[in-house]
N, C-alpha and C. Protein backbone atom coordinates (compact mmCIF):
# COMPACT_ATOMS: atom_id res chain seq x y z
N MET A 1 0.84 -1.18 0.00
CA MET A 1 0.00 0.00 0.00
C MET A 1 0.89 1.24 0.00
N PRO A 2 0.49 2.26 -0.73
CA PRO A 2 1.29 3.49 -0.78
C PRO A 2 1.18 4.30 0.51
N THR A 3 2.19 5.10 0.77
CA THR A 3 2.17 6.06 1.86
C THR A 3 1.67 7.38 1.30
N ARG A 4 0.68 7.96 1.93
CA ARG A 4 0.11 9.24 1.49
C ARG A 4 0.82 10.37 2.22
N THR A 5 1.02 11.48 1.54
CA THR A 5 1.79 12.59 2.10
C THR A 5 1.05 13.90 1.96
N ALA A 6 1.14 14.70 3.00
CA ALA A 6 0.64 16.07 2.99
C ALA A 6 1.63 16.90 3.79
N THR A 7 1.71 18.18 3.47
CA THR A 7 2.62 19.06 4.20
C THR A 7 1.88 20.32 4.65
N ALA A 8 2.42 20.91 5.71
CA ALA A 8 1.90 22.18 6.20
C ALA A 8 3.08 23.06 6.59
N GLU A 9 2.92 24.35 6.35
CA GLU A 9 3.93 25.31 6.78
C GLU A 9 3.21 26.44 7.50
N TRP A 10 3.74 26.84 8.65
CA TRP A 10 3.19 27.93 9.43
C TRP A 10 4.24 29.02 9.57
N LYS A 11 3.83 30.27 9.43
CA LYS A 11 4.75 31.40 9.57
C LYS A 11 4.18 32.37 10.58
N GLY A 12 5.00 32.73 11.56
CA GLY A 12 4.59 33.73 12.53
C GLY A 12 4.00 33.15 13.79
N GLU A 13 3.45 34.06 14.59
CA GLU A 13 2.84 33.67 15.85
C GLU A 13 1.47 33.04 15.60
N ILE A 14 0.92 32.42 16.64
CA ILE A 14 -0.32 31.67 16.44
C ILE A 14 -1.48 32.57 16.01
N ARG A 15 -1.68 33.71 16.64
CA ARG A 15 -2.83 34.56 16.30
C ARG A 15 -2.62 35.40 15.05
N GLY A 16 -1.44 35.90 14.83
CA GLY A 16 -1.20 36.77 13.69
C GLY A 16 -0.56 36.08 12.51
N GLY A 17 -0.14 34.84 12.71
CA GLY A 17 0.53 34.12 11.64
C GLY A 17 -0.43 33.52 10.65
N SER A 18 0.14 32.81 9.71
CA SER A 18 -0.68 32.13 8.71
C SER A 18 0.10 30.94 8.18
N GLY A 19 -0.62 30.06 7.55
CA GLY A 19 0.02 28.87 7.02
C GLY A 19 -0.65 28.39 5.76
N SER A 20 -0.07 27.34 5.22
CA SER A 20 -0.67 26.69 4.06
C SER A 20 -0.51 25.19 4.22
N MET A 21 -1.46 24.47 3.68
CA MET A 21 -1.44 23.01 3.69
C MET A 21 -1.61 22.54 2.26
N LYS A 22 -0.93 21.44 1.94
CA LYS A 22 -1.12 20.89 0.60
C LYS A 22 -0.94 19.38 0.61
N MET A 23 -1.64 18.78 -0.32
CA MET A 23 -1.55 17.33 -0.51
C MET A 23 -0.54 17.07 -1.62
N ALA A 24 0.27 16.05 -1.43
CA ALA A 24 1.30 15.72 -2.41
C ALA A 24 0.69 15.40 -3.78
N SER A 25 -0.53 14.89 -3.80
CA SER A 25 -1.19 14.56 -5.07
C SER A 25 -1.51 15.81 -5.89
N GLY A 26 -1.51 16.97 -5.24
CA GLY A 26 -1.89 18.19 -5.92
C GLY A 26 -3.38 18.45 -5.91
N ALA A 27 -4.14 17.57 -5.28
CA ALA A 27 -5.60 17.71 -5.27
C ALA A 27 -6.06 18.90 -4.44
N TYR A 28 -5.25 19.31 -3.47
CA TYR A 28 -5.63 20.45 -2.65
C TYR A 28 -4.38 21.18 -2.18
N GLU A 29 -4.47 22.51 -2.19
CA GLU A 29 -3.48 23.36 -1.56
C GLU A 29 -4.20 24.63 -1.16
N GLY A 30 -4.06 25.03 0.12
CA GLY A 30 -4.76 26.22 0.54
C GLY A 30 -4.27 26.76 1.86
N PRO A 31 -4.73 27.97 2.17
CA PRO A 31 -4.30 28.65 3.39
C PRO A 31 -5.10 28.22 4.62
N TYR A 32 -4.49 28.43 5.79
CA TYR A 32 -5.20 28.32 7.05
C TYR A 32 -4.62 29.32 8.02
N SER A 33 -5.41 29.66 9.04
CA SER A 33 -5.01 30.67 10.01
C SER A 33 -5.74 30.43 11.32
N PHE A 34 -5.38 31.20 12.32
CA PHE A 34 -6.10 31.15 13.60
C PHE A 34 -7.58 31.46 13.36
N GLU A 35 -7.84 32.45 12.53
CA GLU A 35 -9.22 32.85 12.24
C GLU A 35 -10.01 31.73 11.55
N SER A 36 -9.39 31.04 10.60
CA SER A 36 -10.10 29.99 9.88
C SER A 36 -10.27 28.74 10.75
N ARG A 37 -9.45 28.61 11.77
CA ARG A 37 -9.53 27.43 12.62
C ARG A 37 -10.47 27.63 13.80
N PHE A 38 -10.37 28.76 14.46
CA PHE A 38 -11.11 28.95 15.71
C PHE A 38 -12.24 29.97 15.62
N LYS A 39 -12.39 30.59 14.46
CA LYS A 39 -13.47 31.55 14.26
C LYS A 39 -14.11 31.22 12.91
N GLU A 40 -14.43 32.19 12.11
CA GLU A 40 -15.06 31.94 10.81
C GLU A 40 -14.27 32.61 9.68
N GLY A 41 -12.94 32.63 9.80
CA GLY A 41 -12.10 33.28 8.80
C GLY A 41 -12.00 32.49 7.51
N THR A 42 -11.43 33.13 6.51
CA THR A 42 -11.24 32.53 5.20
C THR A 42 -10.14 31.49 5.25
N GLY A 43 -10.31 30.42 4.53
CA GLY A 43 -9.33 29.34 4.48
C GLY A 43 -9.88 28.09 5.12
N THR A 44 -9.05 27.08 5.17
CA THR A 44 -9.47 25.81 5.74
C THR A 44 -8.88 25.67 7.14
N ASN A 45 -8.93 24.47 7.67
CA ASN A 45 -8.33 24.17 8.96
C ASN A 45 -8.16 22.66 9.07
N PRO A 46 -7.32 22.20 9.98
CA PRO A 46 -7.09 20.76 10.09
C PRO A 46 -8.36 19.96 10.35
N GLU A 47 -9.28 20.51 11.14
CA GLU A 47 -10.50 19.77 11.47
C GLU A 47 -11.39 19.58 10.25
N GLU A 48 -11.44 20.58 9.38
CA GLU A 48 -12.22 20.46 8.15
C GLU A 48 -11.63 19.36 7.25
N LEU A 49 -10.32 19.32 7.19
CA LEU A 49 -9.67 18.28 6.38
C LEU A 49 -9.87 16.90 7.00
N ILE A 50 -9.86 16.82 8.32
CA ILE A 50 -10.17 15.55 9.00
C ILE A 50 -11.59 15.14 8.67
N GLY A 51 -12.52 16.10 8.68
CA GLY A 51 -13.91 15.81 8.32
C GLY A 51 -14.03 15.27 6.91
N ALA A 52 -13.32 15.88 5.97
CA ALA A 52 -13.36 15.41 4.58
C ALA A 52 -12.80 13.99 4.48
N ALA A 53 -11.70 13.75 5.18
CA ALA A 53 -11.10 12.42 5.16
C ALA A 53 -12.05 11.39 5.77
N HIS A 54 -12.68 11.75 6.88
CA HIS A 54 -13.58 10.81 7.54
C HIS A 54 -14.81 10.52 6.68
N ALA A 55 -15.40 11.57 6.10
CA ALA A 55 -16.58 11.39 5.25
C ALA A 55 -16.25 10.52 4.04
N GLY A 56 -15.10 10.78 3.42
CA GLY A 56 -14.70 9.99 2.26
C GLY A 56 -14.42 8.54 2.60
N CYS A 57 -13.69 8.33 3.69
CA CYS A 57 -13.36 6.96 4.11
C CYS A 57 -14.63 6.20 4.50
N TYR A 58 -15.50 6.85 5.28
CA TYR A 58 -16.72 6.20 5.71
C TYR A 58 -17.60 5.81 4.51
N SER A 59 -17.75 6.72 3.55
CA SER A 59 -18.58 6.42 2.38
C SER A 59 -18.07 5.20 1.62
N MET A 60 -16.74 5.12 1.45
CA MET A 60 -16.16 3.95 0.77
C MET A 60 -16.33 2.68 1.60
N ALA A 61 -16.13 2.80 2.91
CA ALA A 61 -16.29 1.64 3.79
C ALA A 61 -17.73 1.13 3.75
N LEU A 62 -18.68 2.06 3.73
CA LEU A 62 -20.09 1.65 3.66
C LEU A 62 -20.39 0.97 2.33
N ALA A 63 -19.84 1.47 1.24
CA ALA A 63 -20.03 0.81 -0.06
C ALA A 63 -19.52 -0.63 0.00
N GLY A 64 -18.39 -0.83 0.66
CA GLY A 64 -17.84 -2.18 0.81
C GLY A 64 -18.72 -3.07 1.67
N GLU A 65 -19.20 -2.52 2.78
CA GLU A 65 -20.08 -3.30 3.67
C GLU A 65 -21.38 -3.66 2.96
N LEU A 66 -21.93 -2.73 2.20
CA LEU A 66 -23.16 -3.02 1.46
C LEU A 66 -22.92 -4.09 0.39
N ALA A 67 -21.80 -3.99 -0.31
CA ALA A 67 -21.47 -4.99 -1.34
C ALA A 67 -21.38 -6.38 -0.72
N GLY A 68 -20.81 -6.46 0.48
CA GLY A 68 -20.72 -7.75 1.17
C GLY A 68 -22.06 -8.32 1.56
N ARG A 69 -23.07 -7.49 1.53
CA ARG A 69 -24.45 -7.91 1.84
C ARG A 69 -25.31 -7.94 0.57
N HIS A 70 -24.66 -7.91 -0.58
CA HIS A 70 -25.31 -7.97 -1.89
C HIS A 70 -26.27 -6.81 -2.14
N ILE A 71 -25.89 -5.63 -1.63
CA ILE A 71 -26.67 -4.42 -1.86
C ILE A 71 -25.82 -3.49 -2.72
N LYS A 72 -26.42 -2.98 -3.80
CA LYS A 72 -25.70 -2.10 -4.72
C LYS A 72 -26.24 -0.67 -4.56
N PRO A 73 -25.49 0.17 -3.86
CA PRO A 73 -25.98 1.54 -3.70
C PRO A 73 -25.83 2.35 -4.98
N GLU A 74 -26.79 3.21 -5.22
CA GLU A 74 -26.67 4.17 -6.33
C GLU A 74 -25.82 5.35 -5.90
N SER A 75 -25.99 5.77 -4.64
CA SER A 75 -25.19 6.88 -4.13
C SER A 75 -25.09 6.82 -2.61
N ILE A 76 -23.96 7.30 -2.11
CA ILE A 76 -23.72 7.43 -0.68
C ILE A 76 -23.16 8.84 -0.47
N THR A 77 -23.87 9.65 0.30
CA THR A 77 -23.42 11.01 0.59
C THR A 77 -23.23 11.12 2.09
N THR A 78 -22.02 11.48 2.50
CA THR A 78 -21.73 11.58 3.93
C THR A 78 -21.18 12.96 4.25
N GLU A 79 -21.71 13.54 5.30
CA GLU A 79 -21.21 14.80 5.85
C GLU A 79 -20.60 14.49 7.21
N ALA A 80 -19.44 15.04 7.50
CA ALA A 80 -18.81 14.89 8.81
C ALA A 80 -18.73 16.26 9.46
N LYS A 81 -19.30 16.39 10.64
CA LYS A 81 -19.24 17.63 11.41
C LYS A 81 -18.26 17.39 12.55
N VAL A 82 -17.17 18.14 12.55
CA VAL A 82 -16.09 17.94 13.52
C VAL A 82 -16.10 19.10 14.51
N ASP A 83 -16.25 18.78 15.79
CA ASP A 83 -16.24 19.80 16.84
C ASP A 83 -14.88 19.83 17.51
N VAL A 84 -14.28 21.02 17.58
CA VAL A 84 -13.05 21.23 18.34
C VAL A 84 -13.40 22.19 19.47
N ASP A 85 -13.03 21.81 20.68
CA ASP A 85 -13.38 22.61 21.86
C ASP A 85 -12.18 22.74 22.78
N LYS A 86 -12.24 23.75 23.61
CA LYS A 86 -11.21 23.93 24.62
C LYS A 86 -11.35 22.77 25.61
N ALA A 87 -10.24 22.15 25.91
CA ALA A 87 -10.21 21.02 26.83
C ALA A 87 -9.05 21.19 27.78
N GLU A 88 -8.95 20.30 28.71
CA GLU A 88 -7.83 20.34 29.64
C GLU A 88 -6.53 20.22 28.85
N GLY A 89 -5.63 21.17 29.06
CA GLY A 89 -4.35 21.13 28.37
C GLY A 89 -4.36 21.72 26.97
N GLY A 90 -5.45 22.37 26.56
CA GLY A 90 -5.48 22.97 25.22
C GLY A 90 -6.81 22.74 24.53
N PHE A 91 -6.73 22.34 23.29
CA PHE A 91 -7.93 22.09 22.49
C PHE A 91 -7.97 20.62 22.09
N ALA A 92 -9.17 20.11 21.82
CA ALA A 92 -9.33 18.72 21.41
C ALA A 92 -10.53 18.58 20.49
N ILE A 93 -10.46 17.60 19.61
CA ILE A 93 -11.64 17.21 18.83
C ILE A 93 -12.48 16.38 19.79
N THR A 94 -13.65 16.90 20.11
CA THR A 94 -14.49 16.26 21.13
C THR A 94 -15.63 15.43 20.56
N LYS A 95 -16.01 15.73 19.31
CA LYS A 95 -17.15 15.01 18.74
C LYS A 95 -17.10 15.09 17.22
N ILE A 96 -17.51 14.01 16.59
CA ILE A 96 -17.71 13.99 15.14
C ILE A 96 -19.09 13.39 14.89
N ASP A 97 -19.89 14.09 14.11
CA ASP A 97 -21.18 13.57 13.68
C ASP A 97 -21.05 13.18 12.22
N LEU A 98 -21.31 11.92 11.92
CA LEU A 98 -21.36 11.45 10.54
C LEU A 98 -22.83 11.36 10.15
N ILE A 99 -23.19 12.07 9.10
CA ILE A 99 -24.56 12.04 8.59
C ILE A 99 -24.49 11.51 7.17
N THR A 100 -25.06 10.35 6.96
CA THR A 100 -24.96 9.72 5.64
C THR A 100 -26.35 9.42 5.09
N ARG A 101 -26.50 9.68 3.82
CA ARG A 101 -27.76 9.41 3.12
C ARG A 101 -27.42 8.51 1.94
N VAL A 102 -28.17 7.43 1.85
CA VAL A 102 -27.85 6.39 0.86
C VAL A 102 -29.08 6.07 0.02
N VAL A 103 -28.87 6.01 -1.27
CA VAL A 103 -29.89 5.51 -2.19
C VAL A 103 -29.45 4.12 -2.59
N ALA A 104 -30.23 3.13 -2.16
CA ALA A 104 -29.91 1.73 -2.44
C ALA A 104 -31.23 0.97 -2.61
N PRO A 105 -31.78 0.98 -3.81
CA PRO A 105 -33.06 0.32 -4.05
C PRO A 105 -33.03 -1.15 -3.61
N GLY A 106 -34.09 -1.54 -2.91
CA GLY A 106 -34.22 -2.93 -2.48
C GLY A 106 -33.55 -3.25 -1.16
N ALA A 107 -32.81 -2.33 -0.58
CA ALA A 107 -32.13 -2.60 0.70
C ALA A 107 -33.16 -2.54 1.82
N ASP A 108 -33.06 -3.48 2.76
CA ASP A 108 -33.95 -3.41 3.91
C ASP A 108 -33.23 -2.65 5.04
N GLU A 109 -34.01 -2.00 5.87
CA GLU A 109 -33.49 -1.10 6.90
C GLU A 109 -32.55 -1.80 7.88
N ALA A 110 -32.90 -2.97 8.35
CA ALA A 110 -32.07 -3.66 9.35
C ALA A 110 -30.70 -4.01 8.78
N THR A 111 -30.66 -4.55 7.57
CA THR A 111 -29.39 -4.91 6.94
C THR A 111 -28.58 -3.65 6.67
N PHE A 112 -29.26 -2.59 6.23
CA PHE A 112 -28.57 -1.33 5.98
C PHE A 112 -27.93 -0.79 7.25
N GLN A 113 -28.68 -0.75 8.33
CA GLN A 113 -28.14 -0.21 9.60
C GLN A 113 -26.98 -1.06 10.11
N GLU A 114 -27.05 -2.36 9.93
CA GLU A 114 -25.94 -3.25 10.31
C GLU A 114 -24.69 -2.89 9.50
N ALA A 115 -24.85 -2.69 8.21
CA ALA A 115 -23.73 -2.32 7.35
C ALA A 115 -23.19 -0.93 7.72
N ALA A 116 -24.09 0.00 8.02
CA ALA A 116 -23.68 1.36 8.38
C ALA A 116 -22.83 1.35 9.64
N GLN A 117 -23.24 0.60 10.64
CA GLN A 117 -22.48 0.52 11.89
C GLN A 117 -21.14 -0.18 11.67
N ALA A 118 -21.14 -1.25 10.90
CA ALA A 118 -19.89 -1.97 10.61
C ALA A 118 -18.91 -1.05 9.86
N ALA A 119 -19.42 -0.22 8.97
CA ALA A 119 -18.55 0.72 8.24
C ALA A 119 -17.95 1.74 9.19
N LYS A 120 -18.74 2.23 10.14
CA LYS A 120 -18.24 3.19 11.13
C LYS A 120 -17.11 2.57 11.94
N GLU A 121 -17.27 1.35 12.34
CA GLU A 121 -16.26 0.68 13.16
C GLU A 121 -15.05 0.25 12.35
N GLY A 122 -15.24 -0.06 11.07
CA GLY A 122 -14.16 -0.59 10.26
C GLY A 122 -13.40 0.42 9.43
N CYS A 123 -13.94 1.60 9.25
CA CYS A 123 -13.29 2.64 8.45
C CYS A 123 -11.93 2.98 9.07
N PRO A 124 -10.84 2.93 8.29
CA PRO A 124 -9.52 3.24 8.84
C PRO A 124 -9.42 4.62 9.47
N VAL A 125 -10.13 5.61 8.95
CA VAL A 125 -10.08 6.94 9.56
C VAL A 125 -10.83 6.93 10.89
N SER A 126 -11.95 6.21 10.99
CA SER A 126 -12.63 6.07 12.29
C SER A 126 -11.68 5.45 13.31
N LYS A 127 -10.95 4.44 12.89
CA LYS A 127 -10.00 3.79 13.80
C LYS A 127 -8.90 4.77 14.22
N ALA A 128 -8.43 5.58 13.29
CA ALA A 128 -7.38 6.56 13.61
C ALA A 128 -7.90 7.63 14.57
N LEU A 129 -9.20 7.87 14.54
CA LEU A 129 -9.81 8.89 15.39
C LEU A 129 -10.41 8.31 16.66
N ALA A 130 -9.96 7.15 17.07
CA ALA A 130 -10.51 6.46 18.24
C ALA A 130 -10.42 7.30 19.52
N GLY A 131 -9.51 8.26 19.57
CA GLY A 131 -9.38 9.11 20.75
C GLY A 131 -10.42 10.20 20.85
N VAL A 132 -11.23 10.38 19.83
CA VAL A 132 -12.30 11.38 19.86
C VAL A 132 -13.36 10.88 20.83
N GLY A 133 -13.83 11.78 21.69
CA GLY A 133 -14.80 11.38 22.70
C GLY A 133 -16.03 10.69 22.16
N THR A 134 -16.65 11.24 21.13
CA THR A 134 -17.89 10.70 20.59
C THR A 134 -17.87 10.78 19.07
N ILE A 135 -18.20 9.68 18.42
CA ILE A 135 -18.45 9.68 16.98
C ILE A 135 -19.88 9.16 16.81
N ASN A 136 -20.79 10.06 16.45
CA ASN A 136 -22.18 9.71 16.25
C ASN A 136 -22.42 9.35 14.80
N LEU A 137 -23.40 8.49 14.57
CA LEU A 137 -23.78 8.10 13.21
C LEU A 137 -25.27 8.26 13.02
N ASP A 138 -25.65 8.99 11.98
CA ASP A 138 -27.05 9.14 11.57
C ASP A 138 -27.09 8.66 10.12
N ALA A 139 -27.51 7.43 9.93
CA ALA A 139 -27.53 6.82 8.59
C ALA A 139 -28.98 6.55 8.18
N SER A 140 -29.34 6.98 6.98
CA SER A 140 -30.69 6.71 6.52
C SER A 140 -30.71 6.38 5.04
N LEU A 141 -31.66 5.51 4.71
CA LEU A 141 -31.91 5.16 3.31
C LEU A 141 -32.84 6.21 2.72
N GLN A 142 -32.56 6.60 1.53
CA GLN A 142 -33.39 7.58 0.81
C GLN A 142 -34.02 6.88 -0.39
N SER A 143 -35.14 7.39 -0.83
CA SER A 143 -35.75 6.78 -2.01
C SER A 143 -35.55 7.64 -3.22
């Protein structure tokens, strides 16, 4: 399996400084700052990128779990909401909400929910984020 690479550079102090993050693949490169991370400033932040990674990984894991149950989804859309809060010793990611909507004609609810939960537990990014206090899952079939 390949090793994936991303880099970040920060210049200056935490509040007045700025940085940039980029993926070695070239798929993304952009700025981040104190404002974009802890307020509503322009740019991205590490938590947003973690959310994108988690949503992408979970969606693929769910496709795999559904395939193992002979269900062929037409689409899987997942949103990850990542909460970062002040905690003892600094800041921490305290909660992630995964909200996924799936179109899979013929799938029954019980089998779908079993696959959704298995995907949450088996997704490599979910495993990497095991230290997060709570990872909630709201999975529903759409028609």
